[in-house]
Amino acid sequence: YYAIAWFRQAPGKEREGVACITRSDVSTYLPDSSDSVRGRFTISR
């Protein structure tokens, strides 16, 4: 029933969203880091 997201926090920086996957298995990159991780990171459940 839940969406699951991955966030990350580097030293001295705000926690930022990385990727998320819905309960319907739709995955997306979260805006904070999408430009840097798109094509390299994949979320699955």
All heavy atoms as atom14 arrays in JSON, in Angstrom:
{
  "sequence": "YYAIAWFRQAPGKEREGVACITRSDVSTYLPDSSDSVRGRFTISR",
  "atom14_mask": [
    [1, 1, 1, 1, 1, 1, 1, 1, 1, 1, 1, 1, 0, 0],
    [1, 1, 1, 1, 1, 1, 1, 1, 1, 1, 1, 1, 0, 0],
    [1, 1, 1, 1, 1, 0, 0, 0, 0, 0, 0, 0, 0, 0],
    [1, 1, 1, 1, 1, 1, 1, 1, 0, 0, 0, 0, 0, 0],
    [1, 1, 1, 1, 1, 0, 0, 0, 0, 0, 0, 0, 0, 0],
    [1, 1, 1, 1, 1, 1, 1, 1, 1, 1, 1, 1, 1, 1],
    [1, 1, 1, 1, 1, 1, 1, 1, 1, 1, 1, 0, 0, 0],
    [1, 1, 1, 1, 1, 1, 1, 1, 1, 1, 1, 0, 0, 0],
    [1, 1, 1, 1, 1, 1, 1, 1, 1, 0, 0, 0, 0, 0],
    [1, 1, 1, 1, 1, 0, 0, 0, 0, 0, 0, 0, 0, 0],
    [1, 1, 1, 1, 1, 1, 1, 0, 0, 0, 0, 0, 0, 0],
    [1, 1, 1, 1, 0, 0, 0, 0, 0, 0, 0, 0, 0, 0],
    [1, 1, 1, 1, 1, 1, 1, 1, 1, 0, 0, 0, 0, 0],
    [1, 1, 1, 1, 1, 1, 1, 1, 1, 0, 0, 0, 0, 0],
    [1, 1, 1, 1, 1, 1, 1, 1, 1, 1, 1, 0, 0, 0],
    [1, 1, 1, 1, 1, 1, 1, 1, 1, 0, 0, 0, 0, 0],
    [1, 1, 1, 1, 0, 0, 0, 0, 0, 0, 0, 0, 0, 0],
    [1, 1, 1, 1, 1, 1, 1, 0, 0, 0, 0, 0, 0, 0],
    [1, 1, 1, 1, 1, 0, 0, 0, 0, 0, 0, 0, 0, 0],
    [1, 1, 1, 1, 1, 1, 0, 0, 0, 0, 0, 0, 0, 0],
    [1, 1, 1, 1, 1, 1, 1, 1, 0, 0, 0, 0, 0, 0],
    [1, 1, 1, 1, 1, 1, 1, 0, 0, 0, 0, 0, 0, 0],
    [1, 1, 1, 1, 1, 1, 1, 1, 1, 1, 1, 0, 0, 0],
    [1, 1, 1, 1, 1, 1, 0, 0, 0, 0, 0, 0, 0, 0],
    [1, 1, 1, 1, 1, 1, 1, 1, 0, 0, 0, 0, 0, 0],
    [1, 1, 1, 1, 1, 1, 1, 0, 0, 0, 0, 0, 0, 0],
    [1, 1, 1, 1, 1, 1, 0, 0, 0, 0, 0, 0, 0, 0],
    [1, 1, 1, 1, 1, 1, 1, 0, 0, 0, 0, 0, 0, 0],
    [1, 1, 1, 1, 1, 1, 1, 1, 1, 1, 1, 1, 0, 0],
    [1, 1, 1, 1, 1, 1, 1, 1, 0, 0, 0, 0, 0, 0],
    [1, 1, 1, 1, 1, 1, 1, 0, 0, 0, 0, 0, 0, 0],
    [1, 1, 1, 1, 1, 1, 1, 1, 0, 0, 0, 0, 0, 0],
    [1, 1, 1, 1, 1, 1, 0, 0, 0, 0, 0, 0, 0, 0],
    [1, 1, 1, 1, 1, 1, 0, 0, 0, 0, 0, 0, 0, 0],
    [1, 1, 1, 1, 1, 1, 1, 1, 0, 0, 0, 0, 0, 0],
    [1, 1, 1, 1, 1, 1, 0, 0, 0, 0, 0, 0, 0, 0],
    [1, 1, 1, 1, 1, 1, 1, 0, 0, 0, 0, 0, 0, 0],
    [1, 1, 1, 1, 1, 1, 1, 1, 1, 1, 1, 0, 0, 0],
    [1, 1, 1, 1, 0, 0, 0, 0, 0, 0, 0, 0, 0, 0],
    [1, 1, 1, 1, 1, 1, 1, 1, 1, 1, 1, 0, 0, 0],
    [1, 1, 1, 1, 1, 1, 1, 1, 1, 1, 1, 0, 0, 0],
    [1, 1, 1, 1, 1, 1, 1, 0, 0, 0, 0, 0, 0, 0],
    [1, 1, 1, 1, 1, 1, 1, 1, 0, 0, 0, 0, 0, 0],
    [1, 1, 1, 1, 1, 1, 0, 0, 0, 0, 0, 0, 0, 0],
    [1, 1, 1, 1, 1, 1, 1, 1, 1, 1, 1, 0, 0, 0]
  ],
  "atom14_positions": [
    [[0.79, -1.22, 0.0], [0.0, 0.0, 0.0], [0.83, 1.28, 0.0], [0.28, 2.37, -0.08], [-0.91, 0.03, 1.23], [-1.9, -1.12, 1.31], [-2.29, -1.62, 2.55], [-2.43, -1.7, 0.17], [-3.19, -2.67, 2.64], [-3.32, -2.75, 0.25], [-3.7, -3.22, 1.49], [-4.6, -4.27, 1.58], [0.0, 0.0, 0.0], [0.0, 0.0, 0.0]],
    [[2.15, 1.14, 0.06], [3.01, 2.29, 0.3], [3.92, 2.61, -0.89], [4.4, 1.71, -1.59], [3.89, 2.04, 1.52], [3.16, 2.21, 2.82], [2.28, 1.24, 3.28], [3.33, 3.36, 3.59], [1.59, 1.4, 4.46], [2.66, 3.53, 4.79], [1.79, 2.55, 5.21], [1.11, 2.71, 6.39], [0.0, 0.0, 0.0], [0.0, 0.0, 0.0]],
    [[4.14, 3.89, -1.06], [5.23, 4.35, -1.91], [6.5, 4.36, -1.07], [6.47, 4.7, 0.1], [4.95, 5.74, -2.46], [0.0, 0.0, 0.0], [0.0, 0.0, 0.0], [0.0, 0.0, 0.0], [0.0, 0.0, 0.0], [0.0, 0.0, 0.0], [0.0, 0.0, 0.0], [0.0, 0.0, 0.0], [0.0, 0.0, 0.0], [0.0, 0.0, 0.0]],
    [[7.6, 3.99, -1.72], [8.89, 3.99, -1.04], [9.85, 4.89, -1.8], [9.94, 4.82, -3.03], [9.5, 2.57, -0.98], [8.54, 1.6, -0.27], [10.85, 2.61, -0.28], [8.32, 1.89, 1.2], [0.0, 0.0, 0.0], [0.0, 0.0, 0.0], [0.0, 0.0, 0.0], [0.0, 0.0, 0.0], [0.0, 0.0, 0.0], [0.0, 0.0, 0.0]],
    [[10.51, 5.73, -1.05], [11.48, 6.65, -1.64], [12.85, 6.46, -1.03], [12.97, 6.04, 0.13], [11.02, 8.09, -1.45], [0.0, 0.0, 0.0], [0.0, 0.0, 0.0], [0.0, 0.0, 0.0], [0.0, 0.0, 0.0], [0.0, 0.0, 0.0], [0.0, 0.0, 0.0], [0.0, 0.0, 0.0], [0.0, 0.0, 0.0], [0.0, 0.0, 0.0]],
    [[13.84, 6.78, -1.81], [15.22, 6.85, -1.32], [15.62, 8.33, -1.26], [15.4, 9.07, -2.23], [16.17, 6.1, -2.23], [16.1, 4.61, -2.09], [15.37, 3.75, -2.86], [16.79, 3.8, -1.13], [15.56, 2.45, -2.44], [16.43, 2.46, -1.39], [17.7, 4.06, -0.1], [16.92, 1.4, -0.63], [18.18, 3.01, 0.65], [17.79, 1.68, 0.38]],
    [[16.19, 8.71, -0.13], [16.76, 10.04, 0.05], [18.23, 9.86, 0.38], [18.68, 8.77, 0.77], [16.07, 10.76, 1.21], [14.65, 11.19, 0.91], [13.6, 10.29, 0.96], [14.37, 12.51, 0.59], [12.31, 10.67, 0.69], [13.07, 12.91, 0.32], [12.04, 11.99, 0.37], [0.0, 0.0, 0.0], [0.0, 0.0, 0.0], [0.0, 0.0, 0.0]],
    [[18.98, 10.93, 0.28], [20.38, 10.88, 0.69], [20.77, 12.21, 1.31], [20.18, 13.26, 1.01], [21.29, 10.55, -0.5], [21.35, 11.62, -1.58], [22.21, 11.14, -2.75], [22.31, 12.14, -3.8], [22.94, 11.95, -4.95], [23.56, 10.78, -5.19], [22.99, 12.92, -5.86], [0.0, 0.0, 0.0], [0.0, 0.0, 0.0], [0.0, 0.0, 0.0]],
    [[21.76, 12.12, 2.18], [22.25, 13.32, 2.85], [23.76, 13.28, 2.91], [24.34, 12.4, 3.55], [21.65, 13.45, 4.25], [21.97, 14.77, 4.91], [21.12, 15.02, 6.13], [20.5, 14.11, 6.69], [21.05, 16.26, 6.57], [0.0, 0.0, 0.0], [0.0, 0.0, 0.0], [0.0, 0.0, 0.0], [0.0, 0.0, 0.0], [0.0, 0.0, 0.0]],
    [[24.37, 14.23, 2.23], [25.82, 14.37, 2.25], [26.21, 15.26, 3.43], [25.4, 16.07, 3.9], [26.3, 14.96, 0.94], [0.0, 0.0, 0.0], [0.0, 0.0, 0.0], [0.0, 0.0, 0.0], [0.0, 0.0, 0.0], [0.0, 0.0, 0.0], [0.0, 0.0, 0.0], [0.0, 0.0, 0.0], [0.0, 0.0, 0.0], [0.0, 0.0, 0.0]],
    [[27.44, 15.16, 3.91], [27.87, 15.98, 5.04], [27.67, 17.47, 4.76], [28.07, 17.97, 3.7], [29.35, 15.64, 5.17], [29.48, 14.28, 4.58], [28.48, 14.22, 3.48], [0.0, 0.0, 0.0], [0.0, 0.0, 0.0], [0.0, 0.0, 0.0], [0.0, 0.0, 0.0], [0.0, 0.0, 0.0], [0.0, 0.0, 0.0], [0.0, 0.0, 0.0]],
    [[27.03, 18.15, 5.68], [26.83, 19.57, 5.56], [25.76, 20.0, 4.59], [25.6, 21.19, 4.31], [0.0, 0.0, 0.0], [0.0, 0.0, 0.0], [0.0, 0.0, 0.0], [0.0, 0.0, 0.0], [0.0, 0.0, 0.0], [0.0, 0.0, 0.0], [0.0, 0.0, 0.0], [0.0, 0.0, 0.0], [0.0, 0.0, 0.0], [0.0, 0.0, 0.0]],
    [[25.01, 19.04, 4.06], [23.97, 19.36, 3.08], [22.6, 18.89, 3.55], [22.49, 18.06, 4.45], [24.3, 18.74, 1.73], [25.54, 19.3, 1.06], [25.69, 18.79, -0.35], [26.88, 19.42, -1.04], [27.01, 18.94, -2.45], [0.0, 0.0, 0.0], [0.0, 0.0, 0.0], [0.0, 0.0, 0.0], [0.0, 0.0, 0.0], [0.0, 0.0, 0.0]],
    [[21.57, 19.44, 2.92], [20.21, 19.02, 3.21], [19.97, 17.62, 2.67], [20.58, 17.2, 1.68], [19.23, 19.98, 2.54], [19.23, 21.39, 3.11], [18.46, 21.46, 4.42], [17.43, 20.77, 4.53], [18.92, 22.18, 5.32], [0.0, 0.0, 0.0], [0.0, 0.0, 0.0], [0.0, 0.0, 0.0], [0.0, 0.0, 0.0], [0.0, 0.0, 0.0]],
    [[19.03, 16.93, 3.31], [18.62, 15.64, 2.79], [17.84, 15.86, 1.51], [16.95, 16.71, 1.45], [17.76, 14.91, 3.83], [17.51, 13.46, 3.51], [16.83, 12.74, 4.66], [17.66, 12.76, 5.87], [17.36, 12.07, 6.97], [16.27, 11.29, 7.01], [18.14, 12.15, 8.03], [0.0, 0.0, 0.0], [0.0, 0.0, 0.0], [0.0, 0.0, 0.0]],
    [[18.18, 15.1, 0.48], [17.53, 15.29, -0.81], [16.95, 13.98, -1.34], [17.46, 12.9, -1.06], [18.53, 15.85, -1.85], [19.69, 14.93, -2.18], [20.62, 15.51, -3.23], [20.51, 16.71, -3.54], [21.46, 14.74, -3.75], [0.0, 0.0, 0.0], [0.0, 0.0, 0.0], [0.0, 0.0, 0.0], [0.0, 0.0, 0.0], [0.0, 0.0, 0.0]],
    [[15.88, 14.13, -2.08], [15.24, 12.97, -2.67], [16.03, 12.42, -3.84], [16.62, 13.19, -4.6], [0.0, 0.0, 0.0], [0.0, 0.0, 0.0], [0.0, 0.0, 0.0], [0.0, 0.0, 0.0], [0.0, 0.0, 0.0], [0.0, 0.0, 0.0], [0.0, 0.0, 0.0], [0.0, 0.0, 0.0], [0.0, 0.0, 0.0], [0.0, 0.0, 0.0]],
    [[16.03, 11.12, -3.98], [16.76, 10.47, -5.07], [15.78, 9.81, -6.04], [15.72, 10.17, -7.21], [17.75, 9.42, -4.52], [18.44, 8.69, -5.66], [18.77, 10.07, -3.6], [0.0, 0.0, 0.0], [0.0, 0.0, 0.0], [0.0, 0.0, 0.0], [0.0, 0.0, 0.0], [0.0, 0.0, 0.0], [0.0, 0.0, 0.0], [0.0, 0.0, 0.0]],
    [[15.01, 8.87, -5.55], [14.09, 8.13, -6.42], [12.95, 7.6, -5.57], [13.06, 7.49, -4.35], [14.79, 7.0, -7.14], [0.0, 0.0, 0.0], [0.0, 0.0, 0.0], [0.0, 0.0, 0.0], [0.0, 0.0, 0.0], [0.0, 0.0, 0.0], [0.0, 0.0, 0.0], [0.0, 0.0, 0.0], [0.0, 0.0, 0.0], [0.0, 0.0, 0.0]],
    [[11.87, 7.27, -6.25], [10.67, 6.81, -5.55], [9.95, 5.8, -6.43], [10.02, 5.88, -7.67], [9.78, 8.01, -5.25], [8.2, 7.6, -4.49], [0.0, 0.0, 0.0], [0.0, 0.0, 0.0], [0.0, 0.0, 0.0], [0.0, 0.0, 0.0], [0.0, 0.0, 0.0], [0.0, 0.0, 0.0], [0.0, 0.0, 0.0], [0.0, 0.0, 0.0]],
    [[9.23, 4.88, -5.79], [8.42, 3.92, -6.53], [7.08, 3.8, -5.83], [7.01, 3.68, -4.61], [9.15, 2.56, -6.65], [8.4, 1.64, -7.61], [9.4, 1.92, -5.29], [9.24, 0.45, -8.07], [0.0, 0.0, 0.0], [0.0, 0.0, 0.0], [0.0, 0.0, 0.0], [0.0, 0.0, 0.0], [0.0, 0.0, 0.0], [0.0, 0.0, 0.0]],
    [[6.03, 3.89, -6.61], [4.69, 3.85, -6.04], [4.24, 2.41, -5.79], [4.88, 1.45, -6.2], [3.67, 4.51, -6.98], [3.52, 3.67, -8.15], [4.13, 5.9, -7.4], [0.0, 0.0, 0.0], [0.0, 0.0, 0.0], [0.0, 0.0, 0.0], [0.0, 0.0, 0.0], [0.0, 0.0, 0.0], [0.0, 0.0, 0.0], [0.0, 0.0, 0.0]],
    [[3.08, 2.29, -5.14], [2.52, 0.97, -4.89], [2.08, 0.31, -6.19], [1.9, -0.9, -6.24], [1.35, 1.07, -3.92], [0.22, 1.96, -4.39], [-0.73, 2.25, -3.25], [-1.85, 3.09, -3.66], [-2.56, 3.81, -2.82], [-2.27, 3.81, -1.54], [-3.58, 4.53, -3.26], [0.0, 0.0, 0.0], [0.0, 0.0, 0.0], [0.0, 0.0, 0.0]],
    [[1.93, 1.12, -7.25], [1.6, 0.58, -8.57], [2.84, 0.29, -9.41], [2.73, 0.06, -10.61], [0.7, 1.58, -9.32], [-0.47, 1.85, -8.59], [0.0, 0.0, 0.0], [0.0, 0.0, 0.0], [0.0, 0.0, 0.0], [0.0, 0.0, 0.0], [0.0, 0.0, 0.0], [0.0, 0.0, 0.0], [0.0, 0.0, 0.0], [0.0, 0.0, 0.0]],
    [[3.98, 0.37, -8.75], [5.25, 0.03, -9.4], [5.68, 1.07, -10.44], [6.41, 0.73, -11.39], [5.19, -1.36, -10.05], [6.5, -2.11, -9.96], [7.29, -1.78, -9.05], [6.74, -3.0, -10.79], [0.0, 0.0, 0.0], [0.0, 0.0, 0.0], [0.0, 0.0, 0.0], [0.0, 0.0, 0.0], [0.0, 0.0, 0.0], [0.0, 0.0, 0.0]],
    [[5.23, 2.3, -10.27], [5.68, 3.38, -11.13], [6.86, 4.06, -10.44], [6.75, 4.53, -9.31], [4.55, 4.4, -11.37], [5.08, 5.59, -12.17], [3.38, 3.73, -12.08], [0.0, 0.0, 0.0], [0.0, 0.0, 0.0], [0.0, 0.0, 0.0], [0.0, 0.0, 0.0], [0.0, 0.0, 0.0], [0.0, 0.0, 0.0], [0.0, 0.0, 0.0]],
    [[7.98, 4.12, -11.13], [9.18, 4.7, -10.54], [9.46, 6.08, -11.12], [9.1, 6.36, -12.27], [10.38, 3.79, -10.75], [10.63, 3.6, -12.13], [0.0, 0.0, 0.0], [0.0, 0.0, 0.0], [0.0, 0.0, 0.0], [0.0, 0.0, 0.0], [0.0, 0.0, 0.0], [0.0, 0.0, 0.0], [0.0, 0.0, 0.0], [0.0, 0.0, 0.0]],
    [[10.09, 6.9, -10.32], [10.42, 8.24, -10.77], [11.65, 8.73, -10.03], [11.94, 8.27, -8.92], [9.23, 9.2, -10.55], [9.53, 10.47, -11.12], [8.97, 9.4, -9.06], [0.0, 0.0, 0.0], [0.0, 0.0, 0.0], [0.0, 0.0, 0.0], [0.0, 0.0, 0.0], [0.0, 0.0, 0.0], [0.0, 0.0, 0.0], [0.0, 0.0, 0.0]],
    [[12.36, 9.64, -10.64], [13.45, 10.31, -9.95], [12.86, 11.54, -9.25], [12.0, 12.23, -9.79], [14.54, 10.73, -10.93], [15.21, 9.57, -11.62], [14.96, 9.29, -12.95], [16.09, 8.74, -10.92], [15.57, 8.22, -13.59], [16.7, 7.67, -11.54], [16.44, 7.41, -12.88], [17.04, 6.35, -13.49], [0.0, 0.0, 0.0], [0.0, 0.0, 0.0]],
    [[13.32, 11.79, -8.07], [12.85, 12.97, -7.35], [13.66, 14.18, -7.78], [14.85, 14.06, -8.11], [12.94, 12.72, -5.85], [12.04, 11.58, -5.36], [12.2, 11.34, -3.88], [10.57, 11.88, -5.7], [0.0, 0.0, 0.0], [0.0, 0.0, 0.0], [0.0, 0.0, 0.0], [0.0, 0.0, 0.0], [0.0, 0.0, 0.0], [0.0, 0.0, 0.0]],
    [[13.04, 15.34, -7.79], [13.64, 16.52, -8.45], [15.02, 16.93, -7.93], [15.85, 17.4, -8.7], [12.61, 17.62, -8.18], [11.33, 16.91, -7.98], [11.7, 15.62, -7.32], [0.0, 0.0, 0.0], [0.0, 0.0, 0.0], [0.0, 0.0, 0.0], [0.0, 0.0, 0.0], [0.0, 0.0, 0.0], [0.0, 0.0, 0.0], [0.0, 0.0, 0.0]],
    [[15.23, 16.77, -6.61], [16.48, 17.28, -6.02], [17.72, 16.75, -6.7], [18.72, 17.44, -6.82], [16.53, 16.94, -4.53], [15.51, 17.73, -3.74], [15.04, 18.77, -4.23], [15.18, 17.29, -2.62], [0.0, 0.0, 0.0], [0.0, 0.0, 0.0], [0.0, 0.0, 0.0], [0.0, 0.0, 0.0], [0.0, 0.0, 0.0], [0.0, 0.0, 0.0]],
    [[17.69, 15.48, -7.11], [18.91, 14.87, -7.64], [18.68, 14.21, -8.98], [19.57, 13.5, -9.47], [19.45, 13.84, -6.64], [18.47, 12.88, -6.34], [0.0, 0.0, 0.0], [0.0, 0.0, 0.0], [0.0, 0.0, 0.0], [0.0, 0.0, 0.0], [0.0, 0.0, 0.0], [0.0, 0.0, 0.0], [0.0, 0.0, 0.0], [0.0, 0.0, 0.0]],
    [[17.55, 14.44, -9.6], [17.22, 13.71, -10.83], [18.26, 13.93, -11.92], [18.62, 13.0, -12.65], [15.83, 14.09, -11.34], [15.76, 15.47, -11.61], [0.0, 0.0, 0.0], [0.0, 0.0, 0.0], [0.0, 0.0, 0.0], [0.0, 0.0, 0.0], [0.0, 0.0, 0.0], [0.0, 0.0, 0.0], [0.0, 0.0, 0.0], [0.0, 0.0, 0.0]],
    [[18.75, 15.15, -12.04], [19.72, 15.42, -13.11], [21.01, 14.64, -12.92], [21.66, 14.24, -13.89], [20.03, 16.91, -13.17], [18.89, 17.72, -13.73], [17.97, 17.12, -14.33], [18.9, 18.96, -13.56], [0.0, 0.0, 0.0], [0.0, 0.0, 0.0], [0.0, 0.0, 0.0], [0.0, 0.0, 0.0], [0.0, 0.0, 0.0], [0.0, 0.0, 0.0]],
    [[21.38, 14.39, -11.68], [22.66, 13.74, -11.43], [22.57, 12.23, -11.4], [23.57, 11.55, -11.64], [23.26, 14.26, -10.13], [22.46, 13.89, -9.04], [0.0, 0.0, 0.0], [0.0, 0.0, 0.0], [0.0, 0.0, 0.0], [0.0, 0.0, 0.0], [0.0, 0.0, 0.0], [0.0, 0.0, 0.0], [0.0, 0.0, 0.0], [0.0, 0.0, 0.0]],
    [[21.38, 11.68, -11.12], [21.31, 10.22, -11.0], [20.57, 9.55, -12.14], [20.64, 8.32, -12.29], [20.65, 9.81, -9.66], [21.37, 10.45, -8.48], [19.16, 10.14, -9.63], [0.0, 0.0, 0.0], [0.0, 0.0, 0.0], [0.0, 0.0, 0.0], [0.0, 0.0, 0.0], [0.0, 0.0, 0.0], [0.0, 0.0, 0.0], [0.0, 0.0, 0.0]],
    [[19.86, 10.32, -12.93], [19.09, 9.74, -14.04], [20.0, 8.93, -14.94], [21.06, 9.38, -15.35], [18.4, 10.85, -14.83], [17.42, 10.33, -15.9], [16.84, 11.51, -16.69], [16.22, 12.49, -15.82], [14.97, 12.4, -15.36], [14.22, 11.37, -15.7], [14.49, 13.34, -14.57], [0.0, 0.0, 0.0], [0.0, 0.0, 0.0], [0.0, 0.0, 0.0]],
    [[19.56, 7.73, -15.24], [20.34, 6.85, -16.11], [21.39, 6.04, -15.38], [21.94, 5.09, -15.95], [0.0, 0.0, 0.0], [0.0, 0.0, 0.0], [0.0, 0.0, 0.0], [0.0, 0.0, 0.0], [0.0, 0.0, 0.0], [0.0, 0.0, 0.0], [0.0, 0.0, 0.0], [0.0, 0.0, 0.0], [0.0, 0.0, 0.0], [0.0, 0.0, 0.0]],
    [[21.65, 6.39, -14.12], [22.64, 5.63, -13.34], [21.99, 4.84, -12.2], [22.48, 3.76, -11.85], [23.7, 6.58, -12.76], [24.48, 7.35, -13.8], [25.65, 8.11, -13.15], [25.21, 9.11, -12.19], [25.57, 9.14, -10.91], [26.36, 8.21, -10.42], [25.13, 10.1, -10.1], [0.0, 0.0, 0.0], [0.0, 0.0, 0.0], [0.0, 0.0, 0.0]],
    [[20.94, 5.37, -11.64], [20.27, 4.74, -10.5], [18.92, 4.17, -10.95], [18.22, 4.8, -11.75], [20.02, 5.74, -9.38], [21.24, 6.21, -8.66], [22.53, 5.96, -9.12], [21.1, 6.93, -7.47], [23.64, 6.4, -8.43], [22.22, 7.38, -6.77], [23.49, 7.11, -7.27], [0.0, 0.0, 0.0], [0.0, 0.0, 0.0], [0.0, 0.0, 0.0]],
    [[18.57, 3.03, -10.39], [17.28, 2.41, -10.69], [16.65, 1.9, -9.4], [17.29, 1.2, -8.63], [17.45, 1.23, -11.66], [18.09, 1.67, -12.85], [16.1, 0.62, -12.02], [0.0, 0.0, 0.0], [0.0, 0.0, 0.0], [0.0, 0.0, 0.0], [0.0, 0.0, 0.0], [0.0, 0.0, 0.0], [0.0, 0.0, 0.0], [0.0, 0.0, 0.0]],
    [[15.41, 2.28, -9.2], [14.67, 1.81, -8.03], [13.73, 0.69, -8.44], [13.15, 0.72, -9.54], [13.9, 2.98, -7.36], [13.3, 2.55, -6.03], [12.85, 3.55, -8.3], [12.71, 3.7, -5.21], [0.0, 0.0, 0.0], [0.0, 0.0, 0.0], [0.0, 0.0, 0.0], [0.0, 0.0, 0.0], [0.0, 0.0, 0.0], [0.0, 0.0, 0.0]],
    [[13.58, -0.29, -7.57], [12.67, -1.39, -7.84], [12.14, -1.92, -6.52], [12.68, -1.59, -5.46], [13.36, -2.51, -8.64], [14.43, -3.05, -7.9], [0.0, 0.0, 0.0], [0.0, 0.0, 0.0], [0.0, 0.0, 0.0], [0.0, 0.0, 0.0], [0.0, 0.0, 0.0], [0.0, 0.0, 0.0], [0.0, 0.0, 0.0], [0.0, 0.0, 0.0]],
    [[11.09, -2.72, -6.59], [10.51, -3.28, -5.38], [10.11, -4.72, -5.6], [9.76, -5.12, -6.72], [9.31, -2.45, -4.91], [8.12, -2.45, -5.85], [7.1, -1.37, -5.44], [6.46, -1.68, -4.18], [5.88, -0.76, -3.38], [5.88, 0.5, -3.74], [5.32, -1.13, -2.26], [0.0, 0.0, 0.0], [0.0, 0.0, 0.0], [0.0, 0.0, 0.0]]
  ]
}
